[in-house]
């Protein structure tokens, strides 16, 4: 059976986008975040044999260990806005 290439970077970006402000994720330790990510991937690739891809997922997590430690969670950057000069009333 044909399986598309598993793009873990894309899946991580989706996971982060969906969970970066999630209080449950913010309160987790590093190992819990890793496990949550694994479960997220498992759910996303239900059509793909997870066991077949689990070694690849473990390698990705181990290679990117620092990402899970340094995640900026709990808020998004504010968009930069230019302040408009007020016209003189006189």
N, C-alpha and C. Protein backbone atom coordinates (compact mmCIF):
# COMPACT_ATOMS: atom_id res chain seq x y z
N UNK A 1 0.85 -1.18 0.00
CA UNK A 1 0.00 0.00 0.00
C UNK A 1 0.89 1.25 0.00
N UNK A 2 0.50 2.27 -0.71
CA UNK A 2 1.26 3.51 -0.83
C UNK A 2 0.97 4.42 0.37
N UNK A 3 2.03 4.93 1.01
CA UNK A 3 1.89 5.89 2.10
C UNK A 3 2.61 7.17 1.70
N UNK A 4 1.94 8.30 1.85
CA UNK A 4 2.65 9.56 1.54
C UNK A 4 3.74 9.81 2.57
N UNK A 5 4.71 10.61 2.20
CA UNK A 5 5.81 10.94 3.10
C UNK A 5 5.25 11.65 4.34
N UNK A 6 5.67 11.22 5.47
CA UNK A 6 5.22 11.80 6.74
C UNK A 6 6.01 13.08 6.99
N UNK A 7 5.34 14.21 6.93
CA UNK A 7 6.00 15.50 7.12
C UNK A 7 5.83 15.94 8.57
N UNK A 8 6.78 15.58 9.40
CA UNK A 8 6.68 15.87 10.83
C UNK A 8 6.84 17.36 11.13
N UNK A 9 7.59 18.07 10.32
CA UNK A 9 7.71 19.52 10.54
C UNK A 9 6.35 20.19 10.37
N UNK A 10 5.63 19.81 9.33
CA UNK A 10 4.30 20.38 9.10
C UNK A 10 3.36 20.01 10.23
N UNK A 11 3.40 18.73 10.65
CA UNK A 11 2.54 18.29 11.74
C UNK A 11 2.89 19.00 13.04
N UNK A 12 4.18 19.26 13.29
CA UNK A 12 4.57 19.99 14.50
C UNK A 12 4.02 21.42 14.45
N UNK A 13 4.12 22.06 13.29
CA UNK A 13 3.59 23.42 13.16
C UNK A 13 2.09 23.46 13.41
N UNK A 14 1.38 22.46 12.89
CA UNK A 14 -0.07 22.37 13.13
C UNK A 14 -0.34 22.17 14.63
N UNK A 15 0.40 21.24 15.24
CA UNK A 15 0.22 20.96 16.66
C UNK A 15 0.46 22.23 17.49
N UNK A 16 1.55 22.93 17.18
CA UNK A 16 1.88 24.15 17.91
C UNK A 16 0.80 25.21 17.71
N UNK A 17 0.36 25.37 16.46
CA UNK A 17 -0.67 26.37 16.18
C UNK A 17 -1.97 26.10 16.92
N UNK A 18 -2.31 24.84 17.07
CA UNK A 18 -3.55 24.47 17.75
C UNK A 18 -3.41 24.47 19.27
N UNK A 19 -2.19 24.36 19.79
CA UNK A 19 -2.01 24.15 21.22
C UNK A 19 -1.18 25.20 21.93
N UNK A 20 -0.68 26.22 21.25
CA UNK A 20 0.25 27.15 21.88
C UNK A 20 -0.38 27.96 23.01
N UNK A 21 -1.71 28.08 23.02
CA UNK A 21 -2.37 28.82 24.10
C UNK A 21 -3.21 27.91 24.98
N UNK A 22 -3.07 26.62 24.82
CA UNK A 22 -3.83 25.64 25.58
C UNK A 22 -3.25 25.53 26.98
N UNK A 23 -4.05 25.87 27.99
CA UNK A 23 -3.59 25.87 29.38
C UNK A 23 -3.09 24.49 29.80
N UNK A 24 -3.72 23.44 29.29
CA UNK A 24 -3.31 22.08 29.64
C UNK A 24 -1.88 21.82 29.16
N UNK A 25 -1.57 22.24 27.93
CA UNK A 25 -0.23 22.04 27.37
C UNK A 25 0.79 22.92 28.09
N UNK A 26 0.41 24.14 28.41
CA UNK A 26 1.31 25.06 29.09
C UNK A 26 1.75 24.47 30.43
N UNK A 27 0.84 23.79 31.12
CA UNK A 27 1.14 23.22 32.42
C UNK A 27 1.90 21.90 32.38
N UNK A 28 2.11 21.36 31.19
CA UNK A 28 2.78 20.05 31.07
C UNK A 28 4.30 20.20 31.17
N UNK A 29 4.94 19.12 31.62
CA UNK A 29 6.40 19.11 31.57
C UNK A 29 6.82 18.65 30.16
N UNK A 30 8.11 18.63 29.89
CA UNK A 30 8.64 18.34 28.56
C UNK A 30 8.21 16.95 28.08
N UNK A 31 8.32 15.95 28.93
CA UNK A 31 7.94 14.60 28.53
C UNK A 31 6.46 14.48 28.20
N UNK A 32 5.63 15.18 28.96
CA UNK A 32 4.19 15.17 28.68
C UNK A 32 3.87 15.84 27.35
N UNK A 33 4.60 16.93 27.04
CA UNK A 33 4.40 17.60 25.75
C UNK A 33 4.79 16.68 24.60
N UNK A 34 5.89 15.96 24.78
CA UNK A 34 6.34 15.02 23.75
C UNK A 34 5.27 13.95 23.52
N UNK A 35 4.74 13.43 24.61
CA UNK A 35 3.71 12.39 24.51
C UNK A 35 2.44 12.94 23.85
N UNK A 36 2.09 14.17 24.19
CA UNK A 36 0.92 14.81 23.57
C UNK A 36 1.13 14.96 22.07
N UNK A 37 2.35 15.35 21.67
CA UNK A 37 2.66 15.48 20.25
C UNK A 37 2.56 14.12 19.56
N UNK A 38 3.08 13.07 20.20
CA UNK A 38 2.98 11.73 19.62
C UNK A 38 1.53 11.33 19.42
N UNK A 39 0.70 11.61 20.40
CA UNK A 39 -0.72 11.28 20.28
C UNK A 39 -1.39 12.10 19.18
N UNK A 40 -0.98 13.35 19.04
CA UNK A 40 -1.51 14.20 17.98
C UNK A 40 -1.17 13.60 16.62
N UNK A 41 0.09 13.21 16.45
CA UNK A 41 0.52 12.61 15.18
C UNK A 41 -0.23 11.30 14.95
N UNK A 42 -0.36 10.51 15.99
CA UNK A 42 -1.07 9.23 15.88
C UNK A 42 -2.50 9.46 15.37
N UNK A 43 -3.15 10.48 15.89
CA UNK A 43 -4.52 10.78 15.45
C UNK A 43 -4.57 11.32 14.03
N UNK A 44 -3.57 12.11 13.66
CA UNK A 44 -3.54 12.71 12.32
C UNK A 44 -3.25 11.68 11.24
N UNK A 45 -2.48 10.68 11.56
CA UNK A 45 -2.09 9.71 10.54
C UNK A 45 -2.78 8.37 10.76
N UNK A 46 -4.03 8.42 11.15
CA UNK A 46 -4.78 7.19 11.43
C UNK A 46 -4.76 6.25 10.23
N UNK A 47 -4.72 6.79 9.02
CA UNK A 47 -4.72 5.96 7.82
C UNK A 47 -3.37 5.29 7.59
N UNK A 48 -2.34 5.81 8.25
CA UNK A 48 -0.99 5.26 8.11
C UNK A 48 -0.72 4.37 9.32
N UNK A 49 -0.04 3.31 9.13
CA UNK A 49 0.31 2.42 10.23
C UNK A 49 1.26 3.15 11.18
N UNK A 50 0.76 3.55 12.36
CA UNK A 50 1.55 4.33 13.30
C UNK A 50 2.79 3.56 13.75
N UNK A 51 2.65 2.29 13.97
CA UNK A 51 3.80 1.50 14.41
C UNK A 51 4.92 1.54 13.38
N UNK A 52 4.56 1.54 12.11
CA UNK A 52 5.57 1.59 11.05
C UNK A 52 6.32 2.91 11.08
N UNK A 53 5.65 3.98 11.47
CA UNK A 53 6.25 5.31 11.47
C UNK A 53 6.77 5.72 12.85
N UNK A 54 6.53 4.92 13.88
CA UNK A 54 6.87 5.35 15.24
C UNK A 54 8.36 5.60 15.44
N UNK A 55 9.22 4.84 14.79
CA UNK A 55 10.66 5.07 14.92
C UNK A 55 11.04 6.42 14.33
N UNK A 56 10.45 6.75 13.21
CA UNK A 56 10.71 8.05 12.57
C UNK A 56 10.24 9.19 13.48
N UNK A 57 9.08 9.00 14.12
CA UNK A 57 8.55 10.02 15.02
C UNK A 57 9.46 10.17 16.24
N UNK A 58 9.89 9.06 16.81
CA UNK A 58 10.82 9.11 17.96
C UNK A 58 12.11 9.82 17.58
N UNK A 59 12.65 9.52 16.41
CA UNK A 59 13.89 10.18 15.96
C UNK A 59 13.68 11.68 15.82
N UNK A 60 12.54 12.09 15.24
CA UNK A 60 12.25 13.52 15.08
C UNK A 60 12.20 14.20 16.46
N UNK A 61 11.50 13.57 17.39
CA UNK A 61 11.37 14.15 18.73
C UNK A 61 12.74 14.24 19.41
N UNK A 62 13.54 13.20 19.30
CA UNK A 62 14.86 13.21 19.93
C UNK A 62 15.79 14.24 19.28
N UNK A 63 15.72 14.39 17.96
CA UNK A 63 16.56 15.36 17.26
C UNK A 63 16.14 16.79 17.58
N UNK A 64 14.87 16.99 17.90
CA UNK A 64 14.34 18.33 18.17
C UNK A 64 13.94 18.49 19.63
N UNK A 65 14.66 17.83 20.51
CA UNK A 65 14.37 17.83 21.94
C UNK A 65 14.25 19.25 22.50
N UNK A 66 15.14 20.12 22.06
CA UNK A 66 15.15 21.48 22.61
C UNK A 66 13.90 22.28 22.24
N UNK A 67 13.22 21.92 21.16
CA UNK A 67 11.99 22.62 20.78
C UNK A 67 10.95 22.47 21.87
N UNK A 68 10.84 21.28 22.42
CA UNK A 68 9.83 21.03 23.45
C UNK A 68 10.17 21.72 24.76
N UNK A 69 11.44 22.00 24.98
CA UNK A 69 11.85 22.71 26.20
C UNK A 69 11.67 24.21 26.07
N UNK A 70 11.86 24.73 24.87
CA UNK A 70 11.88 26.19 24.70
C UNK A 70 10.62 26.73 24.04
N UNK A 71 9.56 25.95 24.00
CA UNK A 71 8.32 26.43 23.38
C UNK A 71 7.85 27.70 24.08
N UNK A 72 7.43 28.66 23.29
CA UNK A 72 6.82 29.85 23.84
C UNK A 72 5.33 29.60 23.82
N UNK A 73 4.78 29.33 24.98
CA UNK A 73 3.37 28.98 25.07
C UNK A 73 2.63 30.05 25.85
N UNK A 74 1.36 30.19 25.56
CA UNK A 74 0.54 31.09 26.35
C UNK A 74 0.26 32.43 25.72
N UNK A 75 0.68 32.65 24.52
CA UNK A 75 0.39 33.92 23.88
C UNK A 75 1.04 34.01 22.53
N UNK A 76 0.52 34.90 21.74
CA UNK A 76 1.08 35.12 20.42
C UNK A 76 1.69 36.51 20.38
N UNK A 77 2.60 36.68 19.44
CA UNK A 77 3.21 38.00 19.28
C UNK A 77 2.15 39.00 18.82
N UNK A 78 2.28 40.20 19.31
CA UNK A 78 1.39 41.25 18.85
C UNK A 78 1.87 41.75 17.50
N UNK A 79 0.93 42.04 16.65
CA UNK A 79 1.28 42.59 15.34
C UNK A 79 1.79 44.02 15.54
N UNK A 80 2.84 44.35 14.81
CA UNK A 80 3.37 45.70 14.88
C UNK A 80 2.44 46.64 14.13
N UNK A 81 2.12 47.73 14.75
CA UNK A 81 1.27 48.73 14.10
C UNK A 81 1.99 50.07 14.11
N UNK A 82 1.81 50.79 13.06
CA UNK A 82 2.41 52.12 12.99
C UNK A 82 1.46 53.11 13.65
N UNK A 83 2.04 53.99 14.42
CA UNK A 83 1.19 55.03 15.01
C UNK A 83 1.01 56.14 13.98
N UNK A 84 -0.21 56.61 13.90
CA UNK A 84 -0.51 57.66 12.93
C UNK A 84 -0.28 59.01 13.58
N UNK A 85 0.32 59.92 12.82
CA UNK A 85 0.51 61.26 13.33
C UNK A 85 -0.82 61.99 13.29
N UNK A 86 -1.11 62.66 14.37
CA UNK A 86 -2.34 63.43 14.40
C UNK A 86 -2.11 64.77 13.70
N UNK A 87 -3.08 65.17 12.93
CA UNK A 87 -2.98 66.47 12.26
C UNK A 87 -3.20 67.58 13.28
N UNK A 88 -2.48 68.63 13.09
CA UNK A 88 -2.62 69.77 13.97
C UNK A 88 -3.99 70.39 13.76
N UNK A 89 -4.63 70.75 14.87
CA UNK A 89 -5.95 71.38 14.79
C UNK A 89 -5.85 72.86 14.47
N UNK A 90 -4.67 73.44 14.54
CA UNK A 90 -4.49 74.87 14.28
C UNK A 90 -3.74 75.13 13.03
